[in-house]
Amino acid sequence: LIRSCVPNPFNPATEIRFSLSRSGLVDLSIYALNGRLVCTLEHEQMDAGPHSVIWYGTDASGRAVSSGTYIVSLRAGKRTLSRRIMLLK
């Protein structure tokens, strides 16, 4: 599902590219390494095919997060995939 996060490491933004084999509910979220939810980028129905979402290194309140490693989690249907990304300031 997740094809790439470009650039990685990133500053100030990264593009999360993914592809869906079928339409359905998608939950795309960013987590800290300790499992804390940083923000939800998408939680909506999406069509099958390629998609991309940009994360600007901010939390759910719009505040800049600190440098470090984060987990991109993509849930679509019964599948969940994750990828590590690194924000460098």
C-alpha atoms as a PDB file:
ATOM      1  CA  LEU A   1       0.000   0.000   0.000  1.00  0.00           C
ATOM      2  CA  ILE A   2       2.579   2.625   1.030  1.00  0.00           C
ATOM      3  CA  ARG A   3       4.855   3.103  -1.952  1.00  0.00           C
ATOM      4  CA  SER A   4       7.166   5.799  -0.588  1.00  0.00           C
ATOM      5  CA  CYS A   5       7.676   8.793   1.649  1.00  0.00           C
ATOM      6  CA  VAL A   6       9.666  11.398  -0.259  1.00  0.00           C
ATOM      7  CA  PRO A   7      11.957  12.837   0.916  1.00  0.00           C
ATOM      8  CA  ASN A   8      12.965  10.729   3.896  1.00  0.00           C
ATOM      9  CA  PRO A   9      14.595  12.123   6.029  1.00  0.00           C
ATOM     10  CA  PHE A  10      12.628  15.326   5.513  1.00  0.00           C
ATOM     11  CA  ASN A  11      12.367  18.973   6.495  1.00  0.00           C
ATOM     12  CA  PRO A  12       9.903  20.648   6.384  1.00  0.00           C
ATOM     13  CA  ALA A  13       7.519  18.242   4.580  1.00  0.00           C
ATOM     14  CA  THR A  14       7.285  14.741   3.154  1.00  0.00           C
ATOM     15  CA  GLU A  15       4.935  13.325   0.535  1.00  0.00           C
ATOM     16  CA  ILE A  16       3.382   9.994   1.498  1.00  0.00           C
ATOM     17  CA  ARG A  17       2.521   8.056  -1.656  1.00  0.00           C
ATOM     18  CA  PHE A  18       0.276   5.022  -1.525  1.00  0.00           C
ATOM     19  CA  SER A  19      -1.932   2.931  -3.741  1.00  0.00           C
ATOM     20  CA  LEU A  20      -5.240   1.223  -3.006  1.00  0.00           C
ATOM     21  CA  SER A  21      -6.277  -1.965  -4.772  1.00  0.00           C
ATOM     22  CA  ARG A  22      -9.950  -1.224  -4.041  1.00  0.00           C
ATOM     23  CA  SER A  23     -12.116   1.617  -2.806  1.00  0.00           C
ATOM     24  CA  GLY A  24     -12.758   1.849   0.905  1.00  0.00           C
ATOM     25  CA  LEU A  25     -12.202   3.602   4.194  1.00  0.00           C
ATOM     26  CA  VAL A  26      -8.616   4.779   4.664  1.00  0.00           C
ATOM     27  CA  ASP A  27      -6.994   5.863   7.913  1.00  0.00           C
ATOM     28  CA  LEU A  28      -3.582   7.492   7.430  1.00  0.00           C
ATOM     29  CA  SER A  29      -1.986   8.551  10.713  1.00  0.00           C
ATOM     30  CA  ILE A  30       1.350   9.593  12.138  1.00  0.00           C
ATOM     31  CA  TYR A  31       2.569   8.092  15.434  1.00  0.00           C
ATOM     32  CA  ALA A  32       5.518   8.783  17.703  1.00  0.00           C
ATOM     33  CA  LEU A  33       7.794   5.826  18.406  1.00  0.00           C
ATOM     34  CA  ASN A  34       6.191   5.423  21.843  1.00  0.00           C
ATOM     35  CA  GLY A  35       2.820   4.755  20.138  1.00  0.00           C
ATOM     36  CA  ARG A  36       1.274   8.178  20.811  1.00  0.00           C
ATOM     37  CA  LEU A  37      -0.926   9.433  17.980  1.00  0.00           C
ATOM     38  CA  VAL A  38       0.605  12.630  16.571  1.00  0.00           C
ATOM     39  CA  CYS A  39      -2.068  13.368  13.965  1.00  0.00           C
ATOM     40  CA  THR A  40      -4.491  11.798  11.515  1.00  0.00           C
ATOM     41  CA  LEU A  41      -3.901  12.946   7.956  1.00  0.00           C
ATOM     42  CA  GLU A  42      -6.810  11.127   6.311  1.00  0.00           C
ATOM     43  CA  HIS A  43      -9.863   9.278   7.599  1.00  0.00           C
ATOM     44  CA  GLU A  44     -12.219   8.971   4.665  1.00  0.00           C
ATOM     45  CA  GLN A  45     -13.500   6.863   1.802  1.00  0.00           C
ATOM     46  CA  MET A  46     -11.041   6.784  -1.095  1.00  0.00           C
ATOM     47  CA  ASP A  47     -11.189   5.327  -4.571  1.00  0.00           C
ATOM     48  CA  ALA A  48      -8.858   2.591  -5.782  1.00  0.00           C
ATOM     49  CA  GLY A  49      -5.630   3.785  -7.369  1.00  0.00           C
ATOM     50  CA  PRO A  50      -2.666   5.982  -6.499  1.00  0.00           C
ATOM     51  CA  HIS A  51      -2.869   8.740  -3.863  1.00  0.00           C
ATOM     52  CA  SER A  52      -0.503  11.105  -2.098  1.00  0.00           C
ATOM     53  CA  VAL A  53      -0.733  13.170   1.084  1.00  0.00           C
ATOM     54  CA  ILE A  54       1.771  15.720   2.360  1.00  0.00           C
ATOM     55  CA  TRP A  55       2.704  15.862   6.037  1.00  0.00           C
ATOM     56  CA  TYR A  56       4.238  19.137   7.184  1.00  0.00           C
ATOM     57  CA  GLY A  57       5.676  17.827  10.454  1.00  0.00           C
ATOM     58  CA  THR A  58       2.858  19.133  12.625  1.00  0.00           C
ATOM     59  CA  ASP A  59       0.647  17.574  15.271  1.00  0.00           C
ATOM     60  CA  ALA A  60      -3.167  17.537  15.354  1.00  0.00           C
ATOM     61  CA  SER A  61      -3.171  21.113  16.706  1.00  0.00           C
ATOM     62  CA  GLY A  62      -0.924  22.405  13.916  1.00  0.00           C
ATOM     63  CA  ARG A  63       2.167  22.779  16.129  1.00  0.00           C
ATOM     64  CA  ALA A  64       5.547  21.739  14.723  1.00  0.00           C
ATOM     65  CA  VAL A  65       6.781  18.434  16.145  1.00  0.00           C
ATOM     66  CA  SER A  66      10.357  17.861  17.252  1.00  0.00           C
ATOM     67  CA  SER A  67      13.065  16.197  15.203  1.00  0.00           C
ATOM     68  CA  GLY A  68      12.965  12.431  15.360  1.00  0.00           C
ATOM     69  CA  THR A  69      11.593   9.240  13.903  1.00  0.00           C
ATOM     70  CA  TYR A  70       7.861   8.818  13.343  1.00  0.00           C
ATOM     71  CA  ILE A  71       5.662   5.987  12.095  1.00  0.00           C
ATOM     72  CA  VAL A  72       3.314   6.449   9.145  1.00  0.00           C
ATOM     73  CA  SER A  73       0.414   4.018   9.552  1.00  0.00           C
ATOM     74  CA  LEU A  74      -1.988   3.298   6.708  1.00  0.00           C
ATOM     75  CA  ARG A  75      -5.115   1.235   7.389  1.00  0.00           C
ATOM     76  CA  ALA A  76      -7.277   0.220   4.455  1.00  0.00           C
ATOM     77  CA  GLY A  77      -9.829  -2.540   4.828  1.00  0.00           C
ATOM     78  CA  LYS A  78      -8.297  -5.298   6.947  1.00  0.00           C
ATOM     79  CA  ARG A  79      -4.703  -4.338   6.110  1.00  0.00           C
ATOM     80  CA  THR A  80      -2.417  -2.087   8.099  1.00  0.00           C
ATOM     81  CA  LEU A  81       1.022  -1.121   6.865  1.00  0.00           C
ATOM     82  CA  SER A  82       3.563   1.174   8.419  1.00  0.00           C
ATOM     83  CA  ARG A  83       6.784   2.903   7.489  1.00  0.00           C
ATOM     84  CA  ARG A  84       9.342   4.878   9.483  1.00  0.00           C
ATOM     85  CA  ILE A  85      10.116   8.447   8.534  1.00  0.00           C
ATOM     86  CA  MET A  86      12.594  10.887  10.032  1.00  0.00           C
ATOM     87  CA  LEU A  87      12.157  14.605  10.575  1.00  0.00           C
ATOM     88  CA  LEU A  88      15.471  16.486  10.757  1.00  0.00           C
ATOM     89  CA  LYS A  89      15.594  20.131  11.767  1.00  0.00           C
END
